Amino acid sequence: MASCILGGRAIASASATSLGGLSSDRLVAFERAAGSSAPQLATCDNFDLADGDLAGRTVSDALRCNGLAWAVHAGTWTVGGGWVSATGATPAVATLTTALSSATVSARIAGADVGLHETGVVLDHDGVDTYLVASVVGDVVPSVDLRLVDGGVATLLASSPVTLGPSVVLALTRDGAAVTVHLDETLVVSLVLDGAAVATLGTATGAGLSASSSSVTIDDLRVSPPTTP
């Protein structure tokens, strides 16, 4: 049997004599090289460096996650045990400045099923107080809410009742005017922003986290070009 690599494919051939003389033809098998559909990360953070204040801290894997540093816009954000949580503001907000206004931001949220809170992910933060935020809302009837915050004033764009487990993954995607929110890879919100909302968000590129309770912790932040979970 002989084999070779051609154009990214492994080609193996066997003659009839190697297969008991069943055929005079040669058998050829092709195996296509595996490819990856995972989008390139704009940034990410697993919060697995030393415990302490998040403000000004570089993301934990500086090479893979492009060495961005956290800016805290409201509240106090603290890293502990490989997670991050916030106190002191409702909502507390922290972001990383990416190069993307259309993007997907996702994070794992633990403790989402206990108590009253709003914990989520942020896109298109302008560095002050205007941004798009998707939140897991712990309440009598839990929900995922999508809000546009303009100059610190929040407008509810959509809300969907959900069932929460102790650990969930929330993902917010904006692709131009189209916005979706997924919870554990299930689509829970889908809408198209109107022209006024698109103009309000502009070309801001901050992406990160929002929280209202220190009892809920966040991990595995990922920001990439727009993608569907």
Protein backbone atom coordinates (compact mmCIF):
# COMPACT_ATOMS: atom_id res chain seq x y z
CA MET A 1 0.00 0.00 0.00
CA ALA A 2 1.20 3.51 -0.84
CA SER A 3 -0.01 6.88 0.32
CA CYS A 4 0.70 10.53 -0.37
CA ILE A 5 -0.62 14.01 0.44
CA LEU A 6 -2.15 16.02 -2.41
CA GLY A 7 -3.88 19.38 -2.09
CA GLY A 8 -4.55 18.99 1.61
CA ARG A 9 -5.91 15.43 1.17
CA ALA A 10 -4.40 12.14 2.18
CA ILE A 11 -4.53 9.64 -0.68
CA ALA A 12 -4.04 5.93 0.00
CA SER A 13 -4.05 3.29 -2.72
CA ALA A 14 -3.97 -0.50 -2.66
CA SER A 15 -3.36 -2.87 -5.54
CA ALA A 16 -5.45 -5.98 -6.29
CA THR A 17 -2.68 -8.26 -5.07
CA SER A 18 -2.86 -6.69 -1.61
CA LEU A 19 -6.62 -7.45 -1.48
CA GLY A 20 -6.55 -11.11 -2.42
CA GLY A 21 -6.81 -10.53 -6.16
CA LEU A 22 -10.49 -9.50 -6.09
CA SER A 23 -10.03 -6.87 -8.77
CA SER A 24 -7.45 -5.64 -11.19
CA ASP A 25 -8.44 -2.03 -10.46
CA ARG A 26 -6.65 0.04 -7.93
CA LEU A 27 -8.68 1.26 -4.95
CA VAL A 28 -8.17 4.86 -3.92
CA ALA A 29 -9.36 6.39 -0.65
CA PHE A 30 -9.56 10.12 -0.02
CA GLU A 31 -9.63 11.89 3.31
CA ARG A 32 -10.21 15.63 3.34
CA ALA A 33 -8.10 17.61 5.75
CA ALA A 34 -10.12 18.79 8.74
CA GLY A 35 -10.94 22.47 8.86
CA SER A 36 -12.09 24.74 11.67
CA SER A 37 -15.13 26.99 11.47
CA ALA A 38 -14.39 28.73 14.78
CA PRO A 39 -14.22 32.52 14.32
CA GLN A 40 -11.06 34.42 15.17
CA LEU A 41 -11.29 35.94 18.62
CA ALA A 42 -11.26 39.70 18.99
CA THR A 43 -10.65 39.18 22.69
CA CYS A 44 -11.46 36.82 25.56
CA ASP A 45 -10.88 36.29 29.28
CA ASN A 46 -11.05 33.25 31.58
CA PHE A 47 -10.22 35.35 34.68
CA ASP A 48 -7.67 32.77 35.80
CA LEU A 49 -4.85 35.08 36.88
CA ALA A 50 -4.34 36.39 40.41
CA ASP A 51 -7.42 37.45 42.36
CA GLY A 52 -8.04 41.17 42.73
CA ASP A 53 -9.44 44.29 41.09
CA LEU A 54 -10.41 43.94 37.41
CA ALA A 55 -9.89 47.62 36.50
CA GLY A 56 -6.87 48.07 34.26
CA ARG A 57 -6.08 44.35 34.23
CA THR A 58 -4.92 42.73 30.99
CA VAL A 59 -6.92 39.69 29.84
CA SER A 60 -5.55 36.43 31.23
CA ASP A 61 -4.30 35.00 27.90
CA ALA A 62 -2.71 38.12 26.46
CA LEU A 63 -1.41 36.45 23.29
CA ARG A 64 -4.58 34.60 22.28
CA CYS A 65 -6.90 37.40 23.40
CA ASN A 66 -4.95 40.32 21.92
CA GLY A 67 -3.64 41.78 25.16
CA LEU A 68 -6.57 44.12 25.82
CA ALA A 69 -7.07 45.77 29.21
CA TRP A 70 -10.32 46.12 31.15
CA ALA A 71 -11.99 49.48 31.70
CA VAL A 72 -14.52 49.68 34.54
CA HIS A 73 -17.27 52.21 33.84
CA ALA A 74 -19.50 51.56 36.87
CA GLY A 75 -19.24 49.55 40.07
CA THR A 76 -16.31 47.58 41.44
CA TRP A 77 -15.36 44.40 39.59
CA THR A 78 -13.36 41.74 41.43
CA VAL A 79 -11.68 38.58 40.16
CA GLY A 80 -11.74 35.60 42.52
CA GLY A 81 -11.29 31.87 41.99
CA GLY A 82 -11.30 32.12 38.21
CA TRP A 83 -14.55 34.13 38.08
CA VAL A 84 -15.44 37.82 38.16
CA SER A 85 -18.28 39.59 39.99
CA ALA A 86 -19.38 43.16 40.64
CA THR A 87 -20.65 45.37 43.47
CA GLY A 88 -21.48 49.01 44.03
CA ALA A 89 -23.62 49.96 41.04
CA THR A 90 -26.78 48.80 39.32
CA PRO A 91 -25.75 48.01 36.75
CA ALA A 92 -22.00 47.66 37.10
CA VAL A 93 -20.32 47.70 33.68
CA ALA A 94 -16.82 46.73 32.49
CA THR A 95 -15.59 46.50 28.90
CA LEU A 96 -12.70 45.80 26.59
CA THR A 97 -12.17 47.98 23.51
CA THR A 98 -12.23 45.72 20.45
CA ALA A 99 -12.13 46.62 16.77
CA LEU A 100 -15.71 45.38 16.23
CA SER A 101 -19.06 47.14 16.34
CA SER A 102 -20.81 44.13 14.80
CA ALA A 103 -19.78 41.16 16.93
CA THR A 104 -20.78 38.26 19.15
CA VAL A 105 -20.06 38.49 22.87
CA SER A 106 -20.72 35.54 25.16
CA ALA A 107 -20.03 34.57 28.76
CA ARG A 108 -20.84 31.84 31.28
CA ILE A 109 -22.97 33.03 34.20
CA ALA A 110 -23.12 31.03 37.45
CA GLY A 111 -25.78 31.48 40.11
CA ALA A 112 -28.21 32.88 37.54
CA ASP A 113 -31.09 30.83 38.96
CA VAL A 114 -30.91 32.30 42.48
CA GLY A 115 -32.17 35.69 43.68
CA LEU A 116 -33.02 38.97 42.01
CA HIS A 117 -30.37 40.21 39.59
CA GLU A 118 -29.60 41.31 36.04
CA THR A 119 -26.36 39.85 34.71
CA GLY A 120 -25.27 39.96 31.10
CA VAL A 121 -23.06 40.90 28.20
CA VAL A 122 -22.46 44.24 26.49
CA LEU A 123 -21.75 45.33 22.92
CA ASP A 124 -21.08 48.70 21.28
CA HIS A 125 -20.16 50.50 24.49
CA ASP A 126 -18.99 54.04 23.71
CA GLY A 127 -16.66 54.28 26.71
CA VAL A 128 -19.15 56.37 28.70
CA ASP A 129 -22.76 55.23 29.10
CA THR A 130 -24.26 54.21 25.73
CA TYR A 131 -24.38 50.53 24.73
CA LEU A 132 -26.42 47.42 23.88
CA VAL A 133 -26.89 44.86 26.67
CA ALA A 134 -28.47 41.41 26.94
CA SER A 135 -29.16 40.27 30.50
CA VAL A 136 -30.28 37.16 32.31
CA VAL A 137 -32.87 38.44 34.78
CA GLY A 138 -33.40 36.48 37.96
CA ASP A 139 -36.97 37.11 39.09
CA VAL A 140 -40.20 35.32 39.96
CA VAL A 141 -40.44 34.68 36.22
CA PRO A 142 -36.84 34.59 34.90
CA SER A 143 -36.21 36.19 31.52
CA VAL A 144 -33.59 37.29 29.04
CA ASP A 145 -33.91 41.03 28.34
CA LEU A 146 -32.35 43.10 25.56
CA ARG A 147 -31.89 46.81 26.25
CA LEU A 148 -30.47 49.84 24.52
CA VAL A 149 -28.80 52.16 27.02
CA ASP A 150 -28.49 55.73 25.70
CA GLY A 151 -26.71 58.19 27.94
CA GLY A 152 -27.39 55.97 30.92
CA VAL A 153 -31.13 55.67 30.18
CA ALA A 154 -32.21 52.10 29.38
CA THR A 155 -34.97 51.19 26.92
CA LEU A 156 -36.28 47.61 26.84
CA LEU A 157 -36.19 46.33 23.26
CA ALA A 158 -37.26 42.73 23.85
CA SER A 159 -37.85 40.23 26.64
CA SER A 160 -38.28 36.47 26.61
CA PRO A 161 -39.22 34.22 29.58
CA VAL A 162 -36.67 31.44 30.13
CA THR A 163 -35.83 28.59 32.45
CA LEU A 164 -32.51 29.12 34.22
CA GLY A 165 -30.07 26.53 35.49
CA PRO A 166 -27.25 27.18 37.96
CA SER A 167 -24.86 27.85 35.08
CA VAL A 168 -25.86 29.28 31.69
CA VAL A 169 -24.09 30.67 28.63
CA LEU A 170 -25.49 33.94 27.28
CA ALA A 171 -24.53 35.19 23.81
CA LEU A 172 -25.42 38.54 22.22
CA THR A 173 -24.84 39.06 18.49
CA ARG A 174 -25.16 42.22 16.45
CA ASP A 175 -24.64 42.08 12.69
CA GLY A 176 -25.47 45.50 11.34
CA ALA A 177 -29.07 46.13 12.37
CA ALA A 178 -29.83 42.46 13.11
CA VAL A 179 -29.59 41.42 16.78
CA THR A 180 -29.99 37.98 18.34
CA VAL A 181 -29.61 36.61 21.85
CA HIS A 182 -28.95 32.93 22.61
CA LEU A 183 -29.17 31.18 25.97
CA ASP A 184 -27.29 27.86 26.06
CA GLU A 185 -27.26 27.97 22.23
CA THR A 186 -31.06 28.37 22.03
CA LEU A 187 -32.36 31.48 20.26
CA VAL A 188 -34.45 33.51 22.71
CA VAL A 189 -34.48 37.01 21.14
CA SER A 190 -34.30 38.15 17.52
CA LEU A 191 -35.00 41.65 16.22
CA VAL A 192 -33.90 44.34 13.78
CA LEU A 193 -32.78 47.65 15.22
CA ASP A 194 -34.44 50.73 13.78
CA GLY A 195 -32.42 53.52 12.24
CA ALA A 196 -32.44 55.61 15.40
CA ALA A 197 -30.98 52.76 17.48
CA VAL A 198 -28.31 52.07 14.89
CA ALA A 199 -27.38 55.76 14.87
CA THR A 200 -27.27 55.84 18.69
CA LEU A 201 -24.83 52.92 18.82
CA GLY A 202 -22.74 54.34 15.98
CA THR A 203 -19.35 52.68 15.56
CA ALA A 204 -18.55 52.10 19.24
CA THR A 205 -16.53 48.95 19.86
CA GLY A 206 -16.58 48.29 23.61
CA ALA A 207 -17.63 44.76 24.59
CA GLY A 208 -17.87 43.22 28.02
CA LEU A 209 -20.07 42.62 31.04
CA SER A 210 -22.94 44.05 33.06
CA ALA A 211 -24.06 42.93 36.53
CA SER A 212 -26.24 43.98 39.46
CA SER A 213 -25.41 41.40 42.16
CA SER A 214 -22.15 40.08 43.57
CA SER A 215 -23.81 36.70 44.21
CA VAL A 216 -23.70 35.98 40.46
CA THR A 217 -20.31 35.24 38.90
CA ILE A 218 -19.12 35.35 35.30
CA ASP A 219 -16.47 33.42 33.37
CA ASP A 220 -15.35 32.52 29.83
CA LEU A 221 -15.90 35.85 28.11
CA ARG A 222 -15.52 35.62 24.31
CA VAL A 223 -15.80 38.33 21.66
CA SER A 224 -15.60 37.48 17.97
CA PRO A 225 -16.96 38.57 14.60
CA PRO A 226 -20.72 37.86 14.37
CA THR A 227 -21.50 34.16 14.60
CA THR A 228 -24.49 31.96 15.46
CA PRO A 229 -23.95 29.52 18.37
